[in-house]
Amino acid sequence: MKFDMPMMRELREARLRQGISQFALANKAGYHSNEVNRWERGHNQPSLTSFVNLAKALGYRVKLEKIDAEDTRPTRQPATVEGS
């Protein structure tokens, strides 16, 4: 099964823009490069903690925003990943 994770794609693009290899990112975030590779390719989903750790290793933070109680419909817009 392949997962579509827009936020993981965004982190991958940030990694590439910074010229960081999967191996270097994995080491910095405390994971094995095979895990990062599987997450980026959509073969596995990282836990929220793992995702946040990857974002931090790239100089980003994950931002969650509370929605109105009436607005509980699923959104098609990806959550934001803010970077430096």
PDB file of N, CA and C in Angstrom:
ATOM      1  N   MET A   1       0.843  -1.174   0.000  1.00  0.00           N
ATOM      2  CA  MET A   1       0.000   0.000   0.000  1.00  0.00           C
ATOM      3  C   MET A   1       0.894   1.244   0.000  1.00  0.00           C
ATOM      4  N   LYS A   2       0.496   2.220  -0.775  1.00  0.00           N
ATOM      5  CA  LYS A   2       1.245   3.466  -0.861  1.00  0.00           C
ATOM      6  C   LYS A   2       0.406   4.583  -0.246  1.00  0.00           C
ATOM      7  N   PHE A   3       1.042   5.415   0.563  1.00  0.00           N
ATOM      8  CA  PHE A   3       0.355   6.509   1.237  1.00  0.00           C
ATOM      9  C   PHE A   3       0.661   7.820   0.530  1.00  0.00           C
ATOM     10  N   ASP A   4      -0.362   8.664   0.413  1.00  0.00           N
ATOM     11  CA  ASP A   4      -0.170  10.001  -0.149  1.00  0.00           C
ATOM     12  C   ASP A   4      -0.074  10.971   1.023  1.00  0.00           C
ATOM     13  N   MET A   5       1.104  11.503   1.238  1.00  0.00           N
ATOM     14  CA  MET A   5       1.323  12.404   2.369  1.00  0.00           C
ATOM     15  C   MET A   5       1.885  13.728   1.866  1.00  0.00           C
ATOM     16  N   PRO A   6       1.012  14.702   1.594  1.00  0.00           N
ATOM     17  CA  PRO A   6       1.491  15.993   1.106  1.00  0.00           C
ATOM     18  C   PRO A   6       2.523  16.638   2.029  1.00  0.00           C
ATOM     19  N   MET A   7       2.362  16.477   3.330  1.00  0.00           N
ATOM     20  CA  MET A   7       3.316  17.090   4.250  1.00  0.00           C
ATOM     21  C   MET A   7       4.677  16.412   4.167  1.00  0.00           C
ATOM     22  N   MET A   8       4.697  15.111   3.930  1.00  0.00           N
ATOM     23  CA  MET A   8       5.973  14.414   3.786  1.00  0.00           C
ATOM     24  C   MET A   8       6.649  14.850   2.485  1.00  0.00           C
ATOM     25  N   ARG A   9       5.854  15.058   1.439  1.00  0.00           N
ATOM     26  CA  ARG A   9       6.415  15.571   0.179  1.00  0.00           C
ATOM     27  C   ARG A   9       7.040  16.941   0.394  1.00  0.00           C
ATOM     28  N   GLU A  10       6.367  17.760   1.204  1.00  0.00           N
ATOM     29  CA  GLU A  10       6.881  19.098   1.477  1.00  0.00           C
ATOM     30  C   GLU A  10       8.223  19.026   2.222  1.00  0.00           C
ATOM     31  N   LEU A  11       8.338  18.099   3.174  1.00  0.00           N
ATOM     32  CA  LEU A  11       9.607  17.931   3.878  1.00  0.00           C
ATOM     33  C   LEU A  11      10.685  17.422   2.937  1.00  0.00           C
ATOM     34  N   ARG A  12      10.326  16.514   2.043  1.00  0.00           N
ATOM     35  CA  ARG A  12      11.298  16.005   1.073  1.00  0.00           C
ATOM     36  C   ARG A  12      11.831  17.146   0.210  1.00  0.00           C
ATOM     37  N   GLU A  13      10.926  17.996  -0.258  1.00  0.00           N
ATOM     38  CA  GLU A  13      11.344  19.134  -1.078  1.00  0.00           C
ATOM     39  C   GLU A  13      12.253  20.071  -0.295  1.00  0.00           C
ATOM     40  N   ALA A  14      11.953  20.270   0.983  1.00  0.00           N
ATOM     41  CA  ALA A  14      12.807  21.116   1.831  1.00  0.00           C
ATOM     42  C   ALA A  14      14.189  20.479   1.976  1.00  0.00           C
ATOM     43  N   ARG A  15      14.227  19.161   2.154  1.00  0.00           N
ATOM     44  CA  ARG A  15      15.505  18.454   2.270  1.00  0.00           C
ATOM     45  C   ARG A  15      16.328  18.633   1.013  1.00  0.00           C
ATOM     46  N   LEU A  16      15.688  18.481  -0.136  1.00  0.00           N
ATOM     47  CA  LEU A  16      16.390  18.622  -1.410  1.00  0.00           C
ATOM     48  C   LEU A  16      16.870  20.052  -1.631  1.00  0.00           C
ATOM     49  N   ARG A  17      16.043  21.038  -1.290  1.00  0.00           N
ATOM     50  CA  ARG A  17      16.439  22.448  -1.431  1.00  0.00           C
ATOM     51  C   ARG A  17      17.670  22.754  -0.584  1.00  0.00           C
ATOM     52  N   GLN A  18      17.762  22.112   0.575  1.00  0.00           N
ATOM     53  CA  GLN A  18      18.895  22.349   1.472  1.00  0.00           C
ATOM     54  C   GLN A  18      20.114  21.496   1.107  1.00  0.00           C
ATOM     55  N   GLY A  19      19.950  20.603   0.133  1.00  0.00           N
ATOM     56  CA  GLY A  19      21.067  19.772  -0.292  1.00  0.00           C
ATOM     57  C   GLY A  19      21.467  18.721   0.728  1.00  0.00           C
ATOM     58  N   ILE A  20      20.500  18.268   1.506  1.00  0.00           N
ATOM     59  CA  ILE A  20      20.757  17.267   2.550  1.00  0.00           C
ATOM     60  C   ILE A  20      20.338  15.896   2.038  1.00  0.00           C
ATOM     61  N   SER A  21      21.190  14.907   2.232  1.00  0.00           N
ATOM     62  CA  SER A  21      20.861  13.545   1.812  1.00  0.00           C
ATOM     63  C   SER A  21      19.895  12.909   2.814  1.00  0.00           C
ATOM     64  N   GLN A  22      19.225  11.843   2.378  1.00  0.00           N
ATOM     65  CA  GLN A  22      18.371  11.092   3.292  1.00  0.00           C
ATOM     66  C   GLN A  22      19.194  10.556   4.454  1.00  0.00           C
ATOM     67  N   PHE A  23      20.402  10.109   4.161  1.00  0.00           N
ATOM     68  CA  PHE A  23      21.287   9.564   5.190  1.00  0.00           C
ATOM     69  C   PHE A  23      21.607  10.624   6.244  1.00  0.00           C
ATOM     70  N   ALA A  24      21.961  11.831   5.801  1.00  0.00           N
ATOM     71  CA  ALA A  24      22.295  12.912   6.731  1.00  0.00           C
ATOM     72  C   ALA A  24      21.077  13.323   7.560  1.00  0.00           C
ATOM     73  N   LEU A  25      19.913  13.422   6.915  1.00  0.00           N
ATOM     74  CA  LEU A  25      18.690  13.774   7.637  1.00  0.00           C
ATOM     75  C   LEU A  25      18.356  12.705   8.666  1.00  0.00           C
ATOM     76  N   ALA A  26      18.450  11.452   8.266  1.00  0.00           N
ATOM     77  CA  ALA A  26      18.140  10.351   9.180  1.00  0.00           C
ATOM     78  C   ALA A  26      19.056  10.396  10.401  1.00  0.00           C
ATOM     79  N   ASN A  27      20.342  10.603  10.178  1.00  0.00           N
ATOM     80  CA  ASN A  27      21.284  10.677  11.296  1.00  0.00           C
ATOM     81  C   ASN A  27      20.963  11.850  12.223  1.00  0.00           C
ATOM     82  N   LYS A  28      20.669  12.986  11.642  1.00  0.00           N
ATOM     83  CA  LYS A  28      20.381  14.182  12.432  1.00  0.00           C
ATOM     84  C   LYS A  28      19.100  14.026  13.252  1.00  0.00           C
ATOM     85  N   ALA A  29      18.098  13.341  12.673  1.00  0.00           N
ATOM     86  CA  ALA A  29      16.808  13.171  13.348  1.00  0.00           C
ATOM     87  C   ALA A  29      16.762  11.918  14.228  1.00  0.00           C
ATOM     88  N   GLY A  30      17.780  11.046  14.103  1.00  0.00           N
ATOM     89  CA  GLY A  30      17.821   9.855  14.949  1.00  0.00           C
ATOM     90  C   GLY A  30      17.124   8.638  14.375  1.00  0.00           C
ATOM     91  N   TYR A  31      17.090   8.531  13.045  1.00  0.00           N
ATOM     92  CA  TYR A  31      16.439   7.403  12.388  1.00  0.00           C
ATOM     93  C   TYR A  31      17.403   6.738  11.410  1.00  0.00           C
ATOM     94  N   HIS A  32      17.007   5.600  10.901  1.00  0.00           N
ATOM     95  CA  HIS A  32      17.793   4.916   9.875  1.00  0.00           C
ATOM     96  C   HIS A  32      17.390   5.491   8.524  1.00  0.00           C
ATOM     97  N   SER A  33      18.344   5.596   7.622  1.00  0.00           N
ATOM     98  CA  SER A  33      18.056   6.179   6.302  1.00  0.00           C
ATOM     99  C   SER A  33      17.012   5.370   5.536  1.00  0.00           C
ATOM    100  N   ASN A  34      16.933   4.072   5.787  1.00  0.00           N
ATOM    101  CA  ASN A  34      15.893   3.263   5.125  1.00  0.00           C
ATOM    102  C   ASN A  34      14.498   3.712   5.528  1.00  0.00           C
ATOM    103  N   GLU A  35      14.335   4.115   6.792  1.00  0.00           N
ATOM    104  CA  GLU A  35      13.028   4.605   7.243  1.00  0.00           C
ATOM    105  C   GLU A  35      12.663   5.893   6.513  1.00  0.00           C
ATOM    106  N   VAL A  36      13.601   6.814   6.452  1.00  0.00           N
ATOM    107  CA  VAL A  36      13.344   8.088   5.769  1.00  0.00           C
ATOM    108  C   VAL A  36      12.998   7.826   4.307  1.00  0.00           C
ATOM    109  N   ASN A  37      13.707   6.920   3.675  1.00  0.00           N
ATOM    110  CA  ASN A  37      13.438   6.579   2.285  1.00  0.00           C
ATOM    111  C   ASN A  37      12.020   6.035   2.118  1.00  0.00           C
ATOM    112  N   ARG A  38      11.606   5.131   2.977  1.00  0.00           N
ATOM    113  CA  ARG A  38      10.251   4.560   2.881  1.00  0.00           C
ATOM    114  C   ARG A  38       9.185   5.616   3.136  1.00  0.00           C
ATOM    115  N   TRP A  39       9.443   6.520   4.085  1.00  0.00           N
ATOM    116  CA  TRP A  39       8.474   7.584   4.360  1.00  0.00           C
ATOM    117  C   TRP A  39       8.354   8.521   3.164  1.00  0.00           C
ATOM    118  N   GLU A  40       9.474   8.910   2.604  1.00  0.00           N
ATOM    119  CA  GLU A  40       9.435   9.835   1.459  1.00  0.00           C
ATOM    120  C   GLU A  40       8.778   9.196   0.245  1.00  0.00           C
ATOM    121  N   ARG A  41       8.944   7.919   0.051  1.00  0.00           N
ATOM    122  CA  ARG A  41       8.352   7.236  -1.094  1.00  0.00           C
ATOM    123  C   ARG A  41       6.898   6.831  -0.851  1.00  0.00           C
ATOM    124  N   GLY A  42       6.404   7.018   0.368  1.00  0.00           N
ATOM    125  CA  GLY A  42       5.008   6.710   0.674  1.00  0.00           C
ATOM    126  C   GLY A  42       4.742   5.253   0.973  1.00  0.00           C
ATOM    127  N   HIS A  43       5.785   4.482   1.256  1.00  0.00           N
ATOM    128  CA  HIS A  43       5.595   3.061   1.549  1.00  0.00           C
ATOM    129  C   HIS A  43       5.239   2.818   3.009  1.00  0.00           C
ATOM    130  N   ASN A  44       5.575   3.742   3.871  1.00  0.00           N
ATOM    131  CA  ASN A  44       5.202   3.715   5.285  1.00  0.00           C
ATOM    132  C   ASN A  44       4.860   5.127   5.701  1.00  0.00           C
ATOM    133  N   GLN A  45       4.104   5.242   6.777  1.00  0.00           N
ATOM    134  CA  GLN A  45       3.792   6.553   7.331  1.00  0.00           C
ATOM    135  C   GLN A  45       4.579   6.756   8.611  1.00  0.00           C
ATOM    136  N   PRO A  46       5.239   7.897   8.761  1.00  0.00           N
ATOM    137  CA  PRO A  46       5.921   8.157  10.025  1.00  0.00           C
ATOM    138  C   PRO A  46       4.889   8.482  11.107  1.00  0.00           C
ATOM    139  N   SER A  47       5.228   8.191  12.343  1.00  0.00           N
ATOM    140  CA  SER A  47       4.382   8.625  13.447  1.00  0.00           C
ATOM    141  C   SER A  47       4.443  10.149  13.506  1.00  0.00           C
ATOM    142  N   LEU A  48       3.545  10.736  14.237  1.00  0.00           N
ATOM    143  CA  LEU A  48       3.560  12.187  14.378  1.00  0.00           C
ATOM    144  C   LEU A  48       4.882  12.635  15.007  1.00  0.00           C
ATOM    145  N   THR A  49       5.347  11.901  16.007  1.00  0.00           N
ATOM    146  CA  THR A  49       6.619  12.231  16.650  1.00  0.00           C
ATOM    147  C   THR A  49       7.770  12.174  15.647  1.00  0.00           C
ATOM    148  N   SER A  50       7.801  11.139  14.820  1.00  0.00           N
ATOM    149  CA  SER A  50       8.857  11.010  13.814  1.00  0.00           C
ATOM    150  C   SER A  50       8.790  12.148  12.815  1.00  0.00           C
ATOM    151  N   PHE A  51       7.589  12.504  12.382  1.00  0.00           N
ATOM    152  CA  PHE A  51       7.417  13.594  11.431  1.00  0.00           C
ATOM    153  C   PHE A  51       7.926  14.909  12.019  1.00  0.00           C
ATOM    154  N   VAL A  52       7.562  15.176  13.272  1.00  0.00           N
ATOM    155  CA  VAL A  52       8.006  16.397  13.937  1.00  0.00           C
ATOM    156  C   VAL A  52       9.527  16.408  14.068  1.00  0.00           C
ATOM    157  N   ASN A  53      10.123  15.264  14.402  1.00  0.00           N
ATOM    158  CA  ASN A  53      11.582  15.184  14.520  1.00  0.00           C
ATOM    159  C   ASN A  53      12.274  15.449  13.184  1.00  0.00           C
ATOM    160  N   LEU A  54      11.722  14.934  12.100  1.00  0.00           N
ATOM    161  CA  LEU A  54      12.284  15.205  10.771  1.00  0.00           C
ATOM    162  C   LEU A  54      12.185  16.696  10.450  1.00  0.00           C
ATOM    163  N   ALA A  55      11.028  17.271  10.735  1.00  0.00           N
ATOM    164  CA  ALA A  55      10.827  18.699  10.477  1.00  0.00           C
ATOM    165  C   ALA A  55      11.837  19.530  11.259  1.00  0.00           C
ATOM    166  N   LYS A  56      12.019  19.220  12.527  1.00  0.00           N
ATOM    167  CA  LYS A  56      12.982  19.953  13.361  1.00  0.00           C
ATOM    168  C   LYS A  56      14.394  19.821  12.813  1.00  0.00           C
ATOM    169  N   ALA A  57      14.742  18.627  12.371  1.00  0.00           N
ATOM    170  CA  ALA A  57      16.088  18.400  11.833  1.00  0.00           C
ATOM    171  C   ALA A  57      16.339  19.243  10.589  1.00  0.00           C
ATOM    172  N   LEU A  58      15.283  19.623   9.893  1.00  0.00           N
ATOM    173  CA  LEU A  58      15.395  20.464   8.704  1.00  0.00           C
ATOM    174  C   LEU A  58      15.199  21.947   9.020  1.00  0.00           C
ATOM    175  N   GLY A  59      14.988  22.266  10.293  1.00  0.00           N
ATOM    176  CA  GLY A  59      14.784  23.665  10.668  1.00  0.00           C
ATOM    177  C   GLY A  59      13.350  24.127  10.525  1.00  0.00           C
ATOM    178  N   TYR A  60      12.412  23.200  10.558  1.00  0.00           N
ATOM    179  CA  TYR A  60      10.992  23.517  10.427  1.00  0.00           C
ATOM    180  C   TYR A  60      10.266  23.167  11.709  1.00  0.00           C
ATOM    181  N   ARG A  61       9.062  23.698  11.832  1.00  0.00           N
ATOM    182  CA  ARG A  61       8.179  23.277  12.913  1.00  0.00           C
ATOM    183  C   ARG A  61       6.818  22.956  12.319  1.00  0.00           C
ATOM    184  N   VAL A  62       6.122  22.068  12.960  1.00  0.00           N
ATOM    185  CA  VAL A  62       4.793  21.672  12.508  1.00  0.00           C
ATOM    186  C   VAL A  62       3.786  22.502  13.284  1.00  0.00           C
ATOM    187  N   LYS A  63       2.852  23.083  12.575  1.00  0.00           N
ATOM    188  CA  LYS A  63       1.879  23.977  13.197  1.00  0.00           C
ATOM    189  C   LYS A  63       0.477  23.385  13.058  1.00  0.00           C
ATOM    190  N   LEU A  64      -0.190  23.204  14.190  1.00  0.00           N
ATOM    191  CA  LEU A  64      -1.574  22.745  14.197  1.00  0.00           C
ATOM    192  C   LEU A  64      -2.451  23.919  14.600  1.00  0.00           C
ATOM    193  N   GLU A  65      -3.570  24.056  13.933  1.00  0.00           N
ATOM    194  CA  GLU A  65      -4.489  25.136  14.259  1.00  0.00           C
ATOM    195  C   GLU A  65      -5.840  24.570  14.618  1.00  0.00           C
ATOM    196  N   LYS A  66      -6.446  25.140  15.664  1.00  0.00           N
ATOM    197  CA  LYS A  66      -7.776  24.718  16.073  1.00  0.00           C
ATOM    198  C   LYS A  66      -8.789  25.260  15.078  1.00  0.00           C
ATOM    199  N   ILE A  67      -9.758  24.429  14.749  1.00  0.00           N
ATOM    200  CA  ILE A  67     -10.829  24.853  13.846  1.00  0.00           C
ATOM    201  C   ILE A  67     -12.094  25.108  14.653  1.00  0.00           C
ATOM    202  N   ASP A  68     -13.035  25.828  14.052  1.00  0.00           N
ATOM    203  CA  ASP A  68     -14.316  26.067  14.706  1.00  0.00           C
ATOM    204  C   ASP A  68     -15.054  24.749  14.863  1.00  0.00           C
ATOM    205  N   ALA A  69     -15.825  24.622  15.921  1.00  0.00           N
ATOM    206  CA  ALA A  69     -16.569  23.390  16.199  1.00  0.00           C
ATOM    207  C   ALA A  69     -17.510  23.038  15.045  1.00  0.00           C
ATOM    208  N   GLU A  70     -18.042  24.046  14.369  1.00  0.00           N
ATOM    209  CA  GLU A  70     -18.971  23.792  13.256  1.00  0.00           C
ATOM    210  C   GLU A  70     -18.237  23.320  12.000  1.00  0.00           C
ATOM    211  N   ASP A  71     -16.974  23.626  11.897  1.00  0.00           N
ATOM    212  CA  ASP A  71     -16.213  23.315  10.697  1.00  0.00           C
ATOM    213  C   ASP A  71     -15.393  22.034  10.897  1.00  0.00           C
ATOM    214  N   THR A  72     -16.094  20.912  10.939  1.00  0.00           N
ATOM    215  CA  THR A  72     -15.408  19.635  11.177  1.00  0.00           C
ATOM    216  C   THR A  72     -15.281  18.817   9.901  1.00  0.00           C
ATOM    217  N   ARG A  73     -15.585  19.431   8.768  1.00  0.00           N
ATOM    218  CA  ARG A  73     -15.435  18.727   7.490  1.00  0.00           C
ATOM    219  C   ARG A  73     -13.964  18.483   7.192  1.00  0.00           C
ATOM    220  N   PRO A  74     -13.646  17.358   6.573  1.00  0.00           N
ATOM    221  CA  PRO A  74     -12.245  17.122   6.194  1.00  0.00           C
ATOM    222  C   PRO A  74     -11.802  18.172   5.194  1.00  0.00           C
ATOM    223  N   THR A  75     -10.574  18.578   5.285  1.00  0.00           N
ATOM    224  CA  THR A  75     -10.042  19.582   4.372  1.00  0.00           C
ATOM    225  C   THR A  75      -9.174  18.920   3.315  1.00  0.00           C
ATOM    226  N   ARG A  76      -9.128  19.489   2.167  1.00  0.00           N
ATOM    227  CA  ARG A  76      -8.264  18.998   1.092  1.00  0.00           C
ATOM    228  C   ARG A  76      -6.953  19.757   1.061  1.00  0.00           C
ATOM    229  N   GLN A  77      -6.848  20.805   1.873  1.00  0.00           N
ATOM    230  CA  GLN A  77      -5.606  21.567   1.930  1.00  0.00           C
ATOM    231  C   GLN A  77      -4.675  20.928   2.944  1.00  0.00           C
ATOM    232  N   PRO A  78      -3.399  20.761   2.596  1.00  0.00           N
ATOM    233  CA  PRO A  78      -2.481  20.164   3.554  1.00  0.00           C
ATOM    234  C   PRO A  78      -2.208  21.098   4.726  1.00  0.00           C
ATOM    235  N   ALA A  79      -1.923  20.506   5.875  1.00  0.00           N
ATOM    236  CA  ALA A  79      -1.505  21.309   7.021  1.00  0.00           C
ATOM    237  C   ALA A  79      -0.172  21.963   6.661  1.00  0.00           C
ATOM    238  N   THR A  80       0.170  22.974   7.389  1.00  0.00           N
ATOM    239  CA  THR A  80       1.371  23.714   7.030  1.00  0.00           C
ATOM    240  C   THR A  80       2.589  23.191   7.779  1.00  0.00           C
ATOM    241  N   VAL A  81       3.698  23.294   7.127  1.00  0.00           N
ATOM    242  CA  VAL A  81       4.993  23.040   7.736  1.00  0.00           C
ATOM    243  C   VAL A  81       5.766  24.328   7.560  1.00  0.00           C
ATOM    244  N   GLU A  82       6.080  24.982   8.673  1.00  0.00           N
ATOM    245  CA  GLU A  82       6.741  26.280   8.603  1.00  0.00           C
ATOM    246  C   GLU A  82       8.232  26.121   8.737  1.00  0.00           C
ATOM    247  N   GLY A  83       8.970  26.836   7.912  1.00  0.00           N
ATOM    248  CA  GLY A  83      10.420  26.720   7.951  1.00  0.00           C
ATOM    249  C   GLY A  83      11.129  28.030   8.043  1.00  0.00           C
ATOM    250  N   SER A  84      12.421  27.898   8.197  1.00  0.00           N
ATOM    251  CA  SER A  84      13.259  29.093   8.298  1.00  0.00           C
ATOM    252  C   SER A  84      13.779  29.505   6.947  1.00  0.00           C
TER     253      SER A  84
END
